[in-house]
């Protein structure tokens, strides 16, 4: 058994898919369900940051978004469009990402968030 760093534990059968700041809910598209070699992994409730440290998810760096966008950990709505500025929302949590703030839609050509009532079609 090796010595692990803070907020890690030694696992004889480690997981190929570890929670990270970039993927805190472990929503990778494919993860082999095969045990991996023994190694240190983050303890429950912690995720690995870009420096390789295990931190609480809320201590992960905030994502920086462009003008008229905001970071959403759990986006429940598709972004609005000029044709449909108020799309239907669901209770399903979608992967975290930058989305247009309320009242703004993503321009289909520039991909920037613009005021929904603007004439920039």
N, C-alpha and C. Protein backbone atom coordinates (compact mmCIF):
# COMPACT_ATOMS: atom_id res chain seq x y z
N UNK A 1 0.84 -1.18 0.00
CA UNK A 1 0.00 0.00 0.00
C UNK A 1 0.88 1.25 0.00
N UNK A 2 0.58 2.15 -0.89
CA UNK A 2 1.35 3.39 -0.98
C UNK A 2 0.72 4.48 -0.13
N UNK A 3 1.53 5.47 0.21
CA UNK A 3 1.01 6.63 0.93
C UNK A 3 0.34 7.56 -0.07
N UNK A 4 -0.88 7.95 0.23
CA UNK A 4 -1.62 8.85 -0.64
C UNK A 4 -1.57 10.26 -0.07
N UNK A 5 -1.83 11.24 -0.90
CA UNK A 5 -1.83 12.63 -0.45
C UNK A 5 -3.18 12.96 0.18
N UNK A 6 -3.33 14.20 0.58
CA UNK A 6 -4.54 14.66 1.24
C UNK A 6 -5.79 14.40 0.39
N UNK A 7 -6.83 13.91 1.02
CA UNK A 7 -8.13 13.63 0.40
C UNK A 7 -8.10 12.51 -0.62
N UNK A 8 -7.10 11.64 -0.51
CA UNK A 8 -7.01 10.46 -1.37
C UNK A 8 -7.02 9.21 -0.51
N UNK A 9 -7.34 8.08 -1.13
CA UNK A 9 -7.25 6.79 -0.47
C UNK A 9 -6.72 5.76 -1.46
N UNK A 10 -6.04 4.75 -0.93
CA UNK A 10 -5.47 3.68 -1.76
C UNK A 10 -6.59 2.72 -2.13
N UNK A 11 -6.66 2.38 -3.41
CA UNK A 11 -7.67 1.41 -3.87
C UNK A 11 -6.97 0.29 -4.61
N UNK A 12 -7.15 -0.92 -4.12
CA UNK A 12 -6.57 -2.10 -4.77
C UNK A 12 -7.18 -2.31 -6.16
N UNK A 13 -8.47 -2.07 -6.28
CA UNK A 13 -9.16 -2.15 -7.58
C UNK A 13 -9.64 -0.75 -7.91
N UNK A 14 -8.81 0.02 -8.57
CA UNK A 14 -9.15 1.41 -8.85
C UNK A 14 -10.12 1.50 -10.03
N UNK A 15 -10.71 2.67 -10.17
CA UNK A 15 -11.65 2.92 -11.25
C UNK A 15 -10.94 3.62 -12.40
N UNK A 16 -11.34 3.29 -13.62
CA UNK A 16 -10.78 3.96 -14.80
C UNK A 16 -11.36 5.36 -14.96
N UNK A 17 -12.49 5.60 -14.33
CA UNK A 17 -13.18 6.89 -14.46
C UNK A 17 -13.24 7.59 -13.12
N UNK A 18 -12.37 8.55 -12.95
CA UNK A 18 -12.33 9.30 -11.71
C UNK A 18 -13.00 10.65 -11.91
N UNK A 19 -13.73 11.10 -10.90
CA UNK A 19 -14.37 12.41 -10.96
C UNK A 19 -13.30 13.50 -11.01
N UNK A 20 -13.51 14.50 -11.86
CA UNK A 20 -12.56 15.61 -12.00
C UNK A 20 -13.32 16.93 -11.98
N UNK A 21 -12.59 18.03 -11.85
CA UNK A 21 -13.22 19.35 -11.93
C UNK A 21 -13.87 19.55 -13.30
N UNK A 22 -13.26 19.00 -14.35
CA UNK A 22 -13.84 19.15 -15.70
C UNK A 22 -15.04 18.25 -15.90
N UNK A 23 -15.14 17.18 -15.15
CA UNK A 23 -16.25 16.22 -15.28
C UNK A 23 -16.67 15.77 -13.88
N UNK A 24 -17.24 16.71 -13.07
CA UNK A 24 -17.52 16.41 -11.67
C UNK A 24 -18.61 15.36 -11.45
N UNK A 25 -19.43 15.12 -12.46
CA UNK A 25 -20.49 14.12 -12.32
C UNK A 25 -20.13 12.83 -13.03
N UNK A 26 -18.90 12.78 -13.55
CA UNK A 26 -18.39 11.60 -14.24
C UNK A 26 -19.32 11.17 -15.36
N UNK A 27 -19.58 12.12 -16.28
CA UNK A 27 -20.49 11.86 -17.39
C UNK A 27 -19.72 11.58 -18.68
N UNK A 28 -18.57 10.95 -18.55
CA UNK A 28 -17.79 10.61 -19.73
C UNK A 28 -18.63 9.71 -20.62
N UNK A 29 -18.43 9.81 -21.92
CA UNK A 29 -19.24 9.03 -22.85
C UNK A 29 -18.98 7.54 -22.74
N UNK A 30 -17.74 7.16 -22.47
CA UNK A 30 -17.42 5.75 -22.36
C UNK A 30 -16.42 5.53 -21.23
N UNK A 31 -16.71 4.59 -20.41
CA UNK A 31 -15.81 4.25 -19.33
C UNK A 31 -15.78 2.73 -19.20
N UNK A 32 -14.63 2.16 -19.42
CA UNK A 32 -14.50 0.70 -19.34
C UNK A 32 -14.81 0.22 -17.93
N UNK A 33 -15.67 -0.78 -17.85
CA UNK A 33 -16.05 -1.34 -16.55
C UNK A 33 -15.08 -2.47 -16.20
N UNK A 34 -13.81 -2.12 -16.17
CA UNK A 34 -12.76 -3.09 -15.89
C UNK A 34 -11.92 -2.53 -14.75
N UNK A 35 -11.62 -3.36 -13.77
CA UNK A 35 -10.80 -2.87 -12.66
C UNK A 35 -9.41 -2.51 -13.17
N UNK A 36 -8.88 -1.47 -12.59
CA UNK A 36 -7.58 -0.92 -12.98
C UNK A 36 -6.54 -1.29 -11.93
N UNK A 37 -5.27 -1.05 -12.23
CA UNK A 37 -4.21 -1.34 -11.25
C UNK A 37 -4.41 -0.53 -9.96
N UNK A 38 -3.89 -1.01 -8.85
CA UNK A 38 -4.01 -0.29 -7.58
C UNK A 38 -3.39 1.10 -7.69
N UNK A 39 -4.06 2.08 -7.08
CA UNK A 39 -3.53 3.45 -7.06
C UNK A 39 -4.32 4.30 -6.09
N UNK A 40 -3.81 5.51 -5.83
CA UNK A 40 -4.50 6.47 -4.99
C UNK A 40 -5.59 7.16 -5.81
N UNK A 41 -6.77 7.27 -5.23
CA UNK A 41 -7.87 7.98 -5.87
C UNK A 41 -8.56 8.87 -4.85
N UNK A 42 -9.28 9.87 -5.34
CA UNK A 42 -9.96 10.81 -4.45
C UNK A 42 -11.00 10.09 -3.59
N UNK A 43 -11.08 10.52 -2.33
CA UNK A 43 -12.10 9.96 -1.45
C UNK A 43 -13.48 10.48 -1.87
N UNK A 44 -14.51 9.82 -1.40
CA UNK A 44 -15.89 10.18 -1.75
C UNK A 44 -16.16 11.66 -1.44
N UNK A 45 -16.78 12.36 -2.39
CA UNK A 45 -17.10 13.77 -2.21
C UNK A 45 -16.03 14.71 -2.75
N UNK A 46 -14.91 14.16 -3.21
CA UNK A 46 -13.82 14.97 -3.75
C UNK A 46 -13.61 14.65 -5.22
N UNK A 47 -13.06 15.63 -5.95
CA UNK A 47 -12.76 15.46 -7.38
C UNK A 47 -11.32 15.90 -7.62
N UNK A 48 -10.73 15.41 -8.70
CA UNK A 48 -9.33 15.75 -9.00
C UNK A 48 -9.29 17.02 -9.85
N UNK A 49 -8.47 18.00 -9.42
CA UNK A 49 -8.34 19.24 -10.20
C UNK A 49 -7.21 19.11 -11.22
N UNK A 50 -6.98 20.16 -11.99
CA UNK A 50 -5.98 20.11 -13.06
C UNK A 50 -4.55 19.99 -12.52
N UNK A 51 -4.34 20.25 -11.23
CA UNK A 51 -3.02 20.09 -10.61
C UNK A 51 -2.83 18.69 -10.04
N UNK A 52 -3.84 17.83 -10.21
CA UNK A 52 -3.76 16.47 -9.70
C UNK A 52 -4.14 16.32 -8.24
N UNK A 53 -4.67 17.38 -7.62
CA UNK A 53 -5.06 17.35 -6.22
C UNK A 53 -6.54 17.00 -6.09
N UNK A 54 -6.90 16.36 -4.99
CA UNK A 54 -8.31 16.06 -4.72
C UNK A 54 -8.90 17.21 -3.90
N UNK A 55 -9.92 17.85 -4.44
CA UNK A 55 -10.55 19.01 -3.81
C UNK A 55 -12.06 18.80 -3.78
N UNK A 56 -12.73 19.53 -2.90
CA UNK A 56 -14.19 19.53 -2.92
C UNK A 56 -14.66 20.12 -4.24
N UNK A 57 -15.74 19.60 -4.79
CA UNK A 57 -16.22 20.07 -6.09
C UNK A 57 -16.46 21.57 -6.10
N UNK A 58 -16.98 22.10 -4.99
CA UNK A 58 -17.25 23.54 -4.94
C UNK A 58 -15.97 24.37 -4.93
N UNK A 59 -14.82 23.73 -4.72
CA UNK A 59 -13.54 24.44 -4.76
C UNK A 59 -12.86 24.36 -6.12
N UNK A 60 -13.53 23.76 -7.09
CA UNK A 60 -12.99 23.74 -8.46
C UNK A 60 -13.06 25.16 -9.01
N UNK A 61 -12.13 25.51 -9.88
CA UNK A 61 -12.16 26.86 -10.45
C UNK A 61 -13.44 27.08 -11.25
N UNK A 62 -13.98 28.27 -11.13
CA UNK A 62 -15.17 28.63 -11.90
C UNK A 62 -14.78 28.82 -13.35
N UNK A 63 -15.65 28.43 -14.22
CA UNK A 63 -15.40 28.59 -15.64
C UNK A 63 -15.68 30.04 -16.03
N UNK A 64 -14.89 30.58 -16.92
CA UNK A 64 -15.09 31.93 -17.41
C UNK A 64 -15.89 31.87 -18.70
N UNK A 65 -16.95 32.65 -18.75
CA UNK A 65 -17.81 32.66 -19.93
C UNK A 65 -17.70 34.00 -20.64
N UNK A 66 -18.14 34.04 -21.88
CA UNK A 66 -18.10 35.26 -22.69
C UNK A 66 -19.19 36.24 -22.25
N UNK A 67 -19.20 37.41 -22.86
CA UNK A 67 -20.19 38.45 -22.58
C UNK A 67 -21.60 37.90 -22.76
N UNK A 68 -22.49 38.21 -21.84
CA UNK A 68 -23.90 37.79 -21.86
C UNK A 68 -24.08 36.28 -21.69
N UNK A 69 -23.06 35.62 -21.13
CA UNK A 69 -23.15 34.20 -20.83
C UNK A 69 -22.92 34.00 -19.34
N UNK A 70 -23.37 32.85 -18.82
CA UNK A 70 -23.08 32.48 -17.45
C UNK A 70 -22.84 30.98 -17.38
N UNK A 71 -22.03 30.58 -16.40
CA UNK A 71 -21.72 29.16 -16.22
C UNK A 71 -22.87 28.51 -15.48
N UNK A 72 -23.34 27.39 -16.00
CA UNK A 72 -24.42 26.65 -15.36
C UNK A 72 -23.95 25.23 -15.09
N UNK A 73 -23.87 24.88 -13.81
CA UNK A 73 -23.47 23.53 -13.42
C UNK A 73 -24.49 22.50 -13.88
N UNK A 74 -25.75 22.88 -13.82
CA UNK A 74 -26.83 21.97 -14.20
C UNK A 74 -27.79 22.74 -15.10
N UNK A 75 -27.54 22.73 -16.38
CA UNK A 75 -28.43 23.44 -17.29
C UNK A 75 -29.64 22.55 -17.58
N UNK A 76 -30.83 23.10 -17.35
CA UNK A 76 -32.05 22.32 -17.55
C UNK A 76 -32.80 22.74 -18.80
N UNK A 77 -32.30 23.76 -19.48
CA UNK A 77 -32.96 24.26 -20.69
C UNK A 77 -31.99 24.29 -21.85
N UNK A 78 -32.52 24.07 -23.03
CA UNK A 78 -31.73 24.34 -24.23
C UNK A 78 -31.66 25.86 -24.37
N UNK A 79 -30.68 26.37 -25.08
CA UNK A 79 -30.61 27.81 -25.28
C UNK A 79 -31.70 28.27 -26.22
N UNK A 80 -32.18 29.49 -25.99
CA UNK A 80 -33.19 30.06 -26.86
C UNK A 80 -32.61 30.44 -28.21
N UNK A 81 -33.48 30.56 -29.18
CA UNK A 81 -33.10 30.99 -30.53
C UNK A 81 -33.99 32.17 -30.90
N UNK A 82 -33.70 32.83 -32.02
CA UNK A 82 -34.57 33.92 -32.46
C UNK A 82 -35.98 33.40 -32.71
N UNK A 83 -36.09 32.20 -33.29
CA UNK A 83 -37.40 31.61 -33.59
C UNK A 83 -38.11 31.14 -32.32
N UNK A 84 -37.35 30.71 -31.33
CA UNK A 84 -37.92 30.20 -30.08
C UNK A 84 -37.11 30.72 -28.90
N UNK A 85 -37.33 31.99 -28.50
CA UNK A 85 -36.52 32.57 -27.44
C UNK A 85 -36.76 31.96 -26.06
N UNK A 86 -37.86 31.23 -25.89
CA UNK A 86 -38.19 30.62 -24.59
C UNK A 86 -38.43 29.12 -24.76
N UNK A 87 -37.36 28.35 -24.87
CA UNK A 87 -37.52 26.91 -25.08
C UNK A 87 -38.08 26.22 -23.83
N UNK A 88 -38.62 25.05 -24.04
CA UNK A 88 -39.15 24.25 -22.93
C UNK A 88 -37.98 23.70 -22.12
N UNK A 89 -38.14 23.73 -20.82
CA UNK A 89 -37.11 23.21 -19.92
C UNK A 89 -37.54 21.86 -19.37
N UNK A 90 -36.57 21.09 -18.94
CA UNK A 90 -36.86 19.78 -18.35
C UNK A 90 -36.26 19.72 -16.96
N UNK A 91 -36.52 18.66 -16.26
CA UNK A 91 -35.92 18.46 -14.94
C UNK A 91 -34.58 17.75 -15.05
N UNK A 92 -34.24 17.28 -16.25
CA UNK A 92 -32.98 16.58 -16.46
C UNK A 92 -31.82 17.55 -16.37
N UNK A 93 -30.78 17.15 -15.69
CA UNK A 93 -29.59 17.98 -15.55
C UNK A 93 -28.65 17.68 -16.71
N UNK A 94 -28.37 18.68 -17.51
CA UNK A 94 -27.45 18.52 -18.64
C UNK A 94 -26.02 18.83 -18.17
N UNK A 95 -25.02 18.42 -18.94
CA UNK A 95 -23.63 18.70 -18.53
C UNK A 95 -23.38 20.19 -18.33
N UNK A 96 -22.48 20.55 -17.41
CA UNK A 96 -22.17 21.96 -17.14
C UNK A 96 -21.60 22.64 -18.38
N UNK A 97 -21.98 23.92 -18.57
CA UNK A 97 -21.47 24.68 -19.71
C UNK A 97 -21.87 26.14 -19.59
N UNK A 98 -21.27 26.98 -20.44
CA UNK A 98 -21.65 28.39 -20.54
C UNK A 98 -22.92 28.47 -21.38
N UNK A 99 -23.90 29.24 -20.88
CA UNK A 99 -25.13 29.45 -21.63
C UNK A 99 -25.49 30.92 -21.61
N UNK A 100 -26.30 31.33 -22.58
CA UNK A 100 -26.75 32.72 -22.63
C UNK A 100 -27.57 33.04 -21.38
N UNK A 101 -27.39 34.27 -20.88
CA UNK A 101 -28.17 34.71 -19.73
C UNK A 101 -29.62 34.93 -20.17
N UNK A 102 -30.52 35.02 -19.19
CA UNK A 102 -31.93 35.21 -19.49
C UNK A 102 -32.14 36.45 -20.36
N UNK A 103 -33.00 36.32 -21.36
CA UNK A 103 -33.29 37.43 -22.27
C UNK A 103 -32.37 37.48 -23.47
N UNK A 104 -31.40 36.57 -23.54
CA UNK A 104 -30.44 36.53 -24.64
C UNK A 104 -30.51 35.18 -25.34
N UNK A 105 -30.17 35.18 -26.62
CA UNK A 105 -30.13 33.95 -27.41
C UNK A 105 -28.79 33.87 -28.13
N UNK A 106 -28.41 32.67 -28.53
CA UNK A 106 -27.14 32.49 -29.24
C UNK A 106 -27.36 32.75 -30.72
N UNK A 107 -26.59 33.69 -31.27
CA UNK A 107 -26.68 34.03 -32.69
C UNK A 107 -26.21 32.82 -33.50
N UNK A 108 -26.97 32.42 -34.52
CA UNK A 108 -26.62 31.20 -35.27
C UNK A 108 -25.31 31.29 -36.05
N UNK A 109 -24.88 32.48 -36.41
CA UNK A 109 -23.65 32.62 -37.19
C UNK A 109 -22.44 32.97 -36.33
N UNK A 110 -22.60 33.97 -35.47
CA UNK A 110 -21.46 34.42 -34.66
C UNK A 110 -21.27 33.58 -33.40
N UNK A 111 -22.30 32.84 -33.00
CA UNK A 111 -22.31 32.01 -31.79
C UNK A 111 -22.19 32.85 -30.51
N UNK A 112 -22.40 34.18 -30.62
CA UNK A 112 -22.39 35.06 -29.46
C UNK A 112 -23.81 35.20 -28.93
N UNK A 113 -23.93 35.51 -27.64
CA UNK A 113 -25.24 35.72 -27.05
C UNK A 113 -25.66 37.17 -27.28
N UNK A 114 -26.80 37.33 -27.93
CA UNK A 114 -27.32 38.67 -28.25
C UNK A 114 -28.72 38.80 -27.66
N UNK A 115 -29.15 40.05 -27.47
CA UNK A 115 -30.48 40.31 -26.91
C UNK A 115 -31.53 39.64 -27.79
N UNK A 116 -32.47 38.95 -27.18
CA UNK A 116 -33.45 38.14 -27.92
C UNK A 116 -34.30 38.96 -28.87
N UNK A 117 -34.55 40.23 -28.56
CA UNK A 117 -35.41 41.05 -29.41
C UNK A 117 -34.64 41.89 -30.41
N UNK A 118 -33.34 41.64 -30.55
CA UNK A 118 -32.55 42.43 -31.51
C UNK A 118 -32.84 41.97 -32.93
N UNK A 119 -32.52 42.79 -33.88
CA UNK A 119 -32.74 42.46 -35.29
C UNK A 119 -31.46 41.96 -35.94
N UNK A 120 -30.76 41.05 -35.28
CA UNK A 120 -29.48 40.55 -35.79
C UNK A 120 -29.62 39.17 -36.41
N UNK A 121 -30.74 38.91 -37.04
CA UNK A 121 -30.99 37.58 -37.61
C UNK A 121 -30.10 37.28 -38.79
